[in-house]
């Protein structure tokens, strides 16, 4: 019965629960509890699946041995993928940072800041021991000073609140189980929630109007490719 209960829990957490949480407007209005819920879902799904197999494996007979082996293999696989994703992510960030230091111009008024010449208005931060905050020349050209302050406050919030550590387990979950819709949903939803958190920090610092102006103009993300343009209307709507 315990094994069945754990298996049922894993199936529920990998199916309807992520779907319902991702569609919840309340979650976007309260990103911190929603992020805690997503973290609980991710951790409990893996633990329940492994626990179900190990519980069956605690019995006797050949089926128990198969279940025990399956549980051990699943746990090992999830840990190995998590380690691989972490190492790969750190390597990519290090390479990206080195490239930015070659092609970007330091911004004296912004510690760790780099200016990249581009017609596309993009801003993002690159976390790590030597973080970088990247602004393109189009951002400086198009934004008023208050909106530019909102951009900087948003990106600094990502770095200060260590959102990259929040996102990493969900990137590993998707890499480990790419066929699982819940894994893709979780990663996208958590990415949106950390953007909402950074938006809240920027709004508290500079106000709603400058932040809205920045969101209308600039692609704000923790890292390049980490923001979806389809999320911007949702982020603008929650400001009002």
C-alpha atoms as a PDB file:
ATOM      1  CA  UNK A   1       0.000   0.000   0.000  1.00  0.00           C
ATOM      2  CA  UNK A   2       2.846   2.388   0.783  1.00  0.00           C
ATOM      3  CA  UNK A   3       4.410   1.780  -2.636  1.00  0.00           C
ATOM      4  CA  UNK A   4       1.066   2.390  -4.360  1.00  0.00           C
ATOM      5  CA  UNK A   5       0.586   5.586  -2.401  1.00  0.00           C
ATOM      6  CA  UNK A   6       4.030   6.850  -3.359  1.00  0.00           C
ATOM      7  CA  UNK A   7       3.487   5.924  -6.997  1.00  0.00           C
ATOM      8  CA  UNK A   8       0.121   7.684  -7.023  1.00  0.00           C
ATOM      9  CA  UNK A   9       1.735  10.764  -5.453  1.00  0.00           C
ATOM     10  CA  UNK A  10       4.455  10.808  -8.113  1.00  0.00           C
ATOM     11  CA  UNK A  11       1.890  10.523 -10.910  1.00  0.00           C
ATOM     12  CA  UNK A  12      -0.280  13.310  -9.498  1.00  0.00           C
ATOM     13  CA  UNK A  13       2.699  15.613  -8.962  1.00  0.00           C
ATOM     14  CA  UNK A  14       3.966  14.895 -12.482  1.00  0.00           C
ATOM     15  CA  UNK A  15       0.559  15.421 -14.104  1.00  0.00           C
ATOM     16  CA  UNK A  16      -2.387  17.549 -12.974  1.00  0.00           C
ATOM     17  CA  UNK A  17      -0.687  19.504 -10.175  1.00  0.00           C
ATOM     18  CA  UNK A  18       1.907  21.273 -12.385  1.00  0.00           C
ATOM     19  CA  UNK A  19      -0.760  21.964 -14.999  1.00  0.00           C
ATOM     20  CA  UNK A  20      -3.054  23.625 -12.453  1.00  0.00           C
ATOM     21  CA  UNK A  21      -0.268  25.611 -10.786  1.00  0.00           C
ATOM     22  CA  UNK A  22       1.066  26.886 -14.116  1.00  0.00           C
ATOM     23  CA  UNK A  23      -2.392  28.213 -15.037  1.00  0.00           C
ATOM     24  CA  UNK A  24      -2.983  29.881 -11.681  1.00  0.00           C
ATOM     25  CA  UNK A  25      -3.171  33.671 -11.769  1.00  0.00           C
ATOM     26  CA  UNK A  26      -2.775  33.684  -7.996  1.00  0.00           C
ATOM     27  CA  UNK A  27       0.667  32.116  -8.374  1.00  0.00           C
ATOM     28  CA  UNK A  28       1.866  34.999 -10.530  1.00  0.00           C
ATOM     29  CA  UNK A  29       0.526  37.530  -8.042  1.00  0.00           C
ATOM     30  CA  UNK A  30       2.396  35.782  -5.216  1.00  0.00           C
ATOM     31  CA  UNK A  31       5.639  34.495  -6.771  1.00  0.00           C
ATOM     32  CA  UNK A  32       7.454  33.500  -3.566  1.00  0.00           C
ATOM     33  CA  UNK A  33       4.848  30.951  -2.358  1.00  0.00           C
ATOM     34  CA  UNK A  34       4.468  29.745  -5.934  1.00  0.00           C
ATOM     35  CA  UNK A  35       8.214  29.137  -6.227  1.00  0.00           C
ATOM     36  CA  UNK A  36       8.186  27.216  -2.956  1.00  0.00           C
ATOM     37  CA  UNK A  37       5.319  25.119  -4.309  1.00  0.00           C
ATOM     38  CA  UNK A  38       7.232  24.369  -7.510  1.00  0.00           C
ATOM     39  CA  UNK A  39      10.321  23.364  -5.539  1.00  0.00           C
ATOM     40  CA  UNK A  40       8.220  21.054  -3.379  1.00  0.00           C
ATOM     41  CA  UNK A  41       6.644  19.509  -6.477  1.00  0.00           C
ATOM     42  CA  UNK A  42      10.007  18.885  -8.114  1.00  0.00           C
ATOM     43  CA  UNK A  43      11.600  17.370  -5.020  1.00  0.00           C
ATOM     44  CA  UNK A  44       8.605  15.286  -3.991  1.00  0.00           C
ATOM     45  CA  UNK A  45       8.021  13.897  -7.480  1.00  0.00           C
ATOM     46  CA  UNK A  46      11.502  12.405  -7.646  1.00  0.00           C
ATOM     47  CA  UNK A  47      11.466  11.209  -4.042  1.00  0.00           C
ATOM     48  CA  UNK A  48       8.049   9.591  -4.430  1.00  0.00           C
ATOM     49  CA  UNK A  49       9.046   7.763  -7.620  1.00  0.00           C
ATOM     50  CA  UNK A  50      12.311   6.496  -6.140  1.00  0.00           C
ATOM     51  CA  UNK A  51      10.618   5.705  -2.842  1.00  0.00           C
ATOM     52  CA  UNK A  52       7.927   3.622  -4.530  1.00  0.00           C
ATOM     53  CA  UNK A  53      10.545   1.473  -6.259  1.00  0.00           C
ATOM     54  CA  UNK A  54      12.662   1.088  -3.131  1.00  0.00           C
ATOM     55  CA  UNK A  55       9.626   0.181  -1.038  1.00  0.00           C
ATOM     56  CA  UNK A  56       8.777  -2.630  -3.426  1.00  0.00           C
ATOM     57  CA  UNK A  57      12.442  -3.590  -3.465  1.00  0.00           C
ATOM     58  CA  UNK A  58      12.399  -4.048   0.299  1.00  0.00           C
ATOM     59  CA  UNK A  59      10.261  -7.176  -0.168  1.00  0.00           C
ATOM     60  CA  UNK A  60      11.311 -10.615  -1.308  1.00  0.00           C
ATOM     61  CA  UNK A  61      11.467 -12.352  -4.652  1.00  0.00           C
ATOM     62  CA  UNK A  62      12.824 -11.524  -8.106  1.00  0.00           C
ATOM     63  CA  UNK A  63      10.336  -8.693  -8.668  1.00  0.00           C
ATOM     64  CA  UNK A  64      11.611  -6.994  -5.521  1.00  0.00           C
ATOM     65  CA  UNK A  65      15.171  -7.190  -6.848  1.00  0.00           C
ATOM     66  CA  UNK A  66      14.065  -5.629 -10.144  1.00  0.00           C
ATOM     67  CA  UNK A  67      12.240  -2.839  -8.314  1.00  0.00           C
ATOM     68  CA  UNK A  68      15.250  -2.215  -6.063  1.00  0.00           C
ATOM     69  CA  UNK A  69      17.534  -1.993  -9.078  1.00  0.00           C
ATOM     70  CA  UNK A  70      15.109   0.341 -10.833  1.00  0.00           C
ATOM     71  CA  UNK A  71      14.959   2.629  -7.817  1.00  0.00           C
ATOM     72  CA  UNK A  72      18.722   2.784  -7.469  1.00  0.00           C
ATOM     73  CA  UNK A  73      19.165   3.402 -11.193  1.00  0.00           C
ATOM     74  CA  UNK A  74      16.536   6.162 -11.216  1.00  0.00           C
ATOM     75  CA  UNK A  75      18.109   7.908  -8.239  1.00  0.00           C
ATOM     76  CA  UNK A  76      21.565   7.620  -9.777  1.00  0.00           C
ATOM     77  CA  UNK A  77      20.326   8.857 -13.140  1.00  0.00           C
ATOM     78  CA  UNK A  78      18.643  11.925 -11.656  1.00  0.00           C
ATOM     79  CA  UNK A  79      21.744  12.807  -9.626  1.00  0.00           C
ATOM     80  CA  UNK A  80      24.054  12.273 -12.607  1.00  0.00           C
ATOM     81  CA  UNK A  81      21.950  14.470 -14.888  1.00  0.00           C
ATOM     82  CA  UNK A  82      21.802  17.186 -12.216  1.00  0.00           C
ATOM     83  CA  UNK A  83      25.591  17.140 -11.922  1.00  0.00           C
ATOM     84  CA  UNK A  84      26.028  17.193 -15.719  1.00  0.00           C
ATOM     85  CA  UNK A  85      23.625  20.121 -16.161  1.00  0.00           C
ATOM     86  CA  UNK A  86      25.387  22.051 -13.396  1.00  0.00           C
ATOM     87  CA  UNK A  87      28.846  21.514 -14.891  1.00  0.00           C
ATOM     88  CA  UNK A  88      27.622  22.345 -18.403  1.00  0.00           C
ATOM     89  CA  UNK A  89      25.870  25.504 -17.208  1.00  0.00           C
ATOM     90  CA  UNK A  90      28.930  26.739 -15.323  1.00  0.00           C
ATOM     91  CA  UNK A  91      31.148  26.098 -18.348  1.00  0.00           C
ATOM     92  CA  UNK A  92      28.807  27.966 -20.672  1.00  0.00           C
ATOM     93  CA  UNK A  93      28.613  30.928 -18.319  1.00  0.00           C
ATOM     94  CA  UNK A  94      32.379  31.058 -17.992  1.00  0.00           C
ATOM     95  CA  UNK A  95      32.783  30.997 -21.779  1.00  0.00           C
ATOM     96  CA  UNK A  96      30.088  33.633 -22.212  1.00  0.00           C
ATOM     97  CA  UNK A  97      31.691  35.871 -19.582  1.00  0.00           C
ATOM     98  CA  UNK A  98      35.073  35.621 -21.295  1.00  0.00           C
ATOM     99  CA  UNK A  99      33.452  36.556 -24.604  1.00  0.00           C
ATOM    100  CA  UNK A 100      31.684  39.527 -23.044  1.00  0.00           C
ATOM    101  CA  UNK A 101      34.952  40.769 -21.612  1.00  0.00           C
ATOM    102  CA  UNK A 102      36.424  40.659 -25.120  1.00  0.00           C
ATOM    103  CA  UNK A 103      33.636  42.322 -27.083  1.00  0.00           C
ATOM    104  CA  UNK A 104      31.955  44.444 -24.416  1.00  0.00           C
ATOM    105  CA  UNK A 105      32.981  47.830 -23.114  1.00  0.00           C
ATOM    106  CA  UNK A 106      33.162  48.223 -19.318  1.00  0.00           C
ATOM    107  CA  UNK A 107      30.646  50.611 -17.780  1.00  0.00           C
ATOM    108  CA  UNK A 108      32.479  52.500 -15.001  1.00  0.00           C
ATOM    109  CA  UNK A 109      29.236  53.579 -13.312  1.00  0.00           C
ATOM    110  CA  UNK A 110      28.015  49.985 -13.190  1.00  0.00           C
ATOM    111  CA  UNK A 111      30.325  47.461 -11.466  1.00  0.00           C
ATOM    112  CA  UNK A 112      30.520  44.352 -13.615  1.00  0.00           C
ATOM    113  CA  UNK A 113      28.593  46.127 -16.370  1.00  0.00           C
ATOM    114  CA  UNK A 114      29.340  45.594 -20.039  1.00  0.00           C
ATOM    115  CA  UNK A 115      28.076  47.608 -22.993  1.00  0.00           C
ATOM    116  CA  UNK A 116      27.555  45.684 -26.230  1.00  0.00           C
ATOM    117  CA  UNK A 117      26.902  47.525 -29.483  1.00  0.00           C
ATOM    118  CA  UNK A 118      23.625  46.260 -30.912  1.00  0.00           C
ATOM    119  CA  UNK A 119      20.462  47.635 -32.488  1.00  0.00           C
ATOM    120  CA  UNK A 120      18.390  45.246 -30.358  1.00  0.00           C
ATOM    121  CA  UNK A 121      17.390  46.602 -26.923  1.00  0.00           C
ATOM    122  CA  UNK A 122      18.474  43.729 -24.669  1.00  0.00           C
ATOM    123  CA  UNK A 123      19.547  43.586 -21.039  1.00  0.00           C
ATOM    124  CA  UNK A 124      20.521  40.541 -19.024  1.00  0.00           C
ATOM    125  CA  UNK A 125      22.804  39.427 -16.241  1.00  0.00           C
ATOM    126  CA  UNK A 126      25.279  36.590 -16.103  1.00  0.00           C
ATOM    127  CA  UNK A 127      25.588  35.155 -12.582  1.00  0.00           C
ATOM    128  CA  UNK A 128      28.667  33.648 -11.010  1.00  0.00           C
ATOM    129  CA  UNK A 129      31.632  34.638  -8.884  1.00  0.00           C
ATOM    130  CA  UNK A 130      32.349  37.412 -11.387  1.00  0.00           C
ATOM    131  CA  UNK A 131      28.841  38.443 -12.457  1.00  0.00           C
ATOM    132  CA  UNK A 132      28.177  40.579 -15.484  1.00  0.00           C
ATOM    133  CA  UNK A 133      25.293  42.918 -16.220  1.00  0.00           C
ATOM    134  CA  UNK A 134      24.942  43.438 -19.963  1.00  0.00           C
ATOM    135  CA  UNK A 135      23.266  46.353 -21.703  1.00  0.00           C
ATOM    136  CA  UNK A 136      23.161  46.921 -25.427  1.00  0.00           C
ATOM    137  CA  UNK A 137      23.679  50.354 -26.933  1.00  0.00           C
ATOM    138  CA  UNK A 138      20.027  50.376 -28.036  1.00  0.00           C
ATOM    139  CA  UNK A 139      18.950  50.222 -24.385  1.00  0.00           C
ATOM    140  CA  UNK A 140      20.899  53.377 -23.565  1.00  0.00           C
ATOM    141  CA  UNK A 141      19.578  55.112 -26.664  1.00  0.00           C
ATOM    142  CA  UNK A 142      15.897  54.292 -26.220  1.00  0.00           C
ATOM    143  CA  UNK A 143      15.236  54.460 -22.489  1.00  0.00           C
ATOM    144  CA  UNK A 144      14.693  57.436 -20.258  1.00  0.00           C
ATOM    145  CA  UNK A 145      16.885  57.550 -17.129  1.00  0.00           C
ATOM    146  CA  UNK A 146      14.125  56.253 -14.829  1.00  0.00           C
ATOM    147  CA  UNK A 147      13.394  53.311 -17.123  1.00  0.00           C
ATOM    148  CA  UNK A 148      17.106  52.560 -17.350  1.00  0.00           C
ATOM    149  CA  UNK A 149      17.241  52.539 -13.549  1.00  0.00           C
ATOM    150  CA  UNK A 150      14.384  50.012 -13.623  1.00  0.00           C
ATOM    151  CA  UNK A 151      16.389  47.773 -15.969  1.00  0.00           C
ATOM    152  CA  UNK A 152      19.454  47.887 -13.734  1.00  0.00           C
ATOM    153  CA  UNK A 153      17.373  47.258 -10.593  1.00  0.00           C
ATOM    154  CA  UNK A 154      15.687  44.294 -12.280  1.00  0.00           C
ATOM    155  CA  UNK A 155      18.950  42.646 -13.293  1.00  0.00           C
ATOM    156  CA  UNK A 156      20.616  43.329  -9.950  1.00  0.00           C
ATOM    157  CA  UNK A 157      17.648  41.672  -8.252  1.00  0.00           C
ATOM    158  CA  UNK A 158      18.353  38.498 -10.254  1.00  0.00           C
ATOM    159  CA  UNK A 159      21.947  38.504  -9.049  1.00  0.00           C
ATOM    160  CA  UNK A 160      21.278  39.480  -5.442  1.00  0.00           C
ATOM    161  CA  UNK A 161      18.434  36.984  -4.991  1.00  0.00           C
ATOM    162  CA  UNK A 162      20.418  34.233  -6.777  1.00  0.00           C
ATOM    163  CA  UNK A 163      17.659  33.321  -9.169  1.00  0.00           C
ATOM    164  CA  UNK A 164      20.093  31.207 -11.177  1.00  0.00           C
ATOM    165  CA  UNK A 165      20.181  28.744  -8.290  1.00  0.00           C
ATOM    166  CA  UNK A 166      16.383  28.592  -8.289  1.00  0.00           C
ATOM    167  CA  UNK A 167      16.269  27.812 -12.005  1.00  0.00           C
ATOM    168  CA  UNK A 168      19.051  25.231 -12.119  1.00  0.00           C
ATOM    169  CA  UNK A 169      17.153  22.238 -10.607  1.00  0.00           C
ATOM    170  CA  UNK A 170      14.294  22.742 -13.065  1.00  0.00           C
ATOM    171  CA  UNK A 171      16.707  22.837 -15.989  1.00  0.00           C
ATOM    172  CA  UNK A 172      18.071  19.531 -14.697  1.00  0.00           C
ATOM    173  CA  UNK A 173      14.557  18.107 -14.320  1.00  0.00           C
ATOM    174  CA  UNK A 174      13.759  18.932 -17.938  1.00  0.00           C
ATOM    175  CA  UNK A 175      17.083  17.548 -19.145  1.00  0.00           C
ATOM    176  CA  UNK A 176      16.505  14.314 -17.237  1.00  0.00           C
ATOM    177  CA  UNK A 177      12.891  13.840 -18.341  1.00  0.00           C
ATOM    178  CA  UNK A 178      12.416  15.827 -21.568  1.00  0.00           C
ATOM    179  CA  UNK A 179       9.393  13.732 -22.522  1.00  0.00           C
ATOM    180  CA  UNK A 180       7.544  14.758 -19.348  1.00  0.00           C
ATOM    181  CA  UNK A 181       5.230  17.765 -19.932  1.00  0.00           C
ATOM    182  CA  UNK A 182       5.433  18.689 -16.247  1.00  0.00           C
ATOM    183  CA  UNK A 183       9.193  19.197 -16.514  1.00  0.00           C
ATOM    184  CA  UNK A 184       8.815  21.661 -19.388  1.00  0.00           C
ATOM    185  CA  UNK A 185       5.915  23.404 -17.674  1.00  0.00           C
ATOM    186  CA  UNK A 186       7.833  23.717 -14.427  1.00  0.00           C
ATOM    187  CA  UNK A 187      10.896  25.255 -16.036  1.00  0.00           C
ATOM    188  CA  UNK A 188       8.870  27.832 -17.984  1.00  0.00           C
ATOM    189  CA  UNK A 189       6.707  28.710 -14.996  1.00  0.00           C
ATOM    190  CA  UNK A 190       9.640  29.116 -12.628  1.00  0.00           C
ATOM    191  CA  UNK A 191      11.425  31.312 -15.180  1.00  0.00           C
ATOM    192  CA  UNK A 192       8.356  33.562 -15.320  1.00  0.00           C
ATOM    193  CA  UNK A 193       8.104  33.692 -11.529  1.00  0.00           C
ATOM    194  CA  UNK A 194      11.704  34.795 -11.037  1.00  0.00           C
ATOM    195  CA  UNK A 195      11.140  37.516 -13.625  1.00  0.00           C
ATOM    196  CA  UNK A 196       8.089  38.591 -11.600  1.00  0.00           C
ATOM    197  CA  UNK A 197      10.225  38.724  -8.457  1.00  0.00           C
ATOM    198  CA  UNK A 198      12.819  40.890 -10.182  1.00  0.00           C
ATOM    199  CA  UNK A 199      10.020  43.098 -11.545  1.00  0.00           C
ATOM    200  CA  UNK A 200       8.680  43.585  -8.019  1.00  0.00           C
ATOM    201  CA  UNK A 201      12.101  44.654  -6.785  1.00  0.00           C
ATOM    202  CA  UNK A 202      12.509  47.135  -9.643  1.00  0.00           C
ATOM    203  CA  UNK A 203       9.000  48.511  -9.133  1.00  0.00           C
ATOM    204  CA  UNK A 204       9.654  49.065  -5.434  1.00  0.00           C
ATOM    205  CA  UNK A 205      12.801  50.999  -6.318  1.00  0.00           C
ATOM    206  CA  UNK A 206      11.735  53.174  -9.257  1.00  0.00           C
ATOM    207  CA  UNK A 207       7.944  52.856  -9.559  1.00  0.00           C
ATOM    208  CA  UNK A 208       5.499  51.178 -11.902  1.00  0.00           C
ATOM    209  CA  UNK A 209       5.612  53.544 -14.879  1.00  0.00           C
ATOM    210  CA  UNK A 210       9.390  53.366 -15.522  1.00  0.00           C
ATOM    211  CA  UNK A 211       9.321  49.578 -15.188  1.00  0.00           C
ATOM    212  CA  UNK A 212       6.408  49.299 -17.606  1.00  0.00           C
ATOM    213  CA  UNK A 213       8.295  51.506 -20.064  1.00  0.00           C
ATOM    214  CA  UNK A 214      11.319  49.232 -19.760  1.00  0.00           C
ATOM    215  CA  UNK A 215       9.224  46.091 -20.275  1.00  0.00           C
ATOM    216  CA  UNK A 216       7.643  47.576 -23.377  1.00  0.00           C
ATOM    217  CA  UNK A 217      11.040  48.368 -24.856  1.00  0.00           C
ATOM    218  CA  UNK A 218      13.669  45.975 -23.541  1.00  0.00           C
ATOM    219  CA  UNK A 219      13.945  42.198 -23.402  1.00  0.00           C
ATOM    220  CA  UNK A 220      14.768  41.625 -19.735  1.00  0.00           C
ATOM    221  CA  UNK A 221      16.099  38.222 -18.767  1.00  0.00           C
ATOM    222  CA  UNK A 222      18.432  36.562 -16.325  1.00  0.00           C
ATOM    223  CA  UNK A 223      20.459  35.167 -19.199  1.00  0.00           C
ATOM    224  CA  UNK A 224      20.097  35.445 -22.995  1.00  0.00           C
ATOM    225  CA  UNK A 225      17.296  33.212 -24.136  1.00  0.00           C
ATOM    226  CA  UNK A 226      15.803  33.071 -20.666  1.00  0.00           C
ATOM    227  CA  UNK A 227      12.852  35.324 -21.368  1.00  0.00           C
ATOM    228  CA  UNK A 228       9.853  34.717 -23.571  1.00  0.00           C
ATOM    229  CA  UNK A 229       8.142  37.585 -25.378  1.00  0.00           C
ATOM    230  CA  UNK A 230       4.815  35.899 -24.704  1.00  0.00           C
ATOM    231  CA  UNK A 231       5.408  36.435 -20.983  1.00  0.00           C
ATOM    232  CA  UNK A 232       5.695  40.215 -21.263  1.00  0.00           C
ATOM    233  CA  UNK A 233       1.905  40.887 -21.405  1.00  0.00           C
ATOM    234  CA  UNK A 234       1.483  38.792 -18.247  1.00  0.00           C
ATOM    235  CA  UNK A 235       4.229  40.730 -16.500  1.00  0.00           C
ATOM    236  CA  UNK A 236       2.738  44.055 -17.581  1.00  0.00           C
ATOM    237  CA  UNK A 237      -0.738  42.997 -16.486  1.00  0.00           C
ATOM    238  CA  UNK A 238       0.378  42.132 -12.964  1.00  0.00           C
ATOM    239  CA  UNK A 239       1.888  45.608 -12.572  1.00  0.00           C
ATOM    240  CA  UNK A 240      -1.628  47.028 -12.681  1.00  0.00           C
END
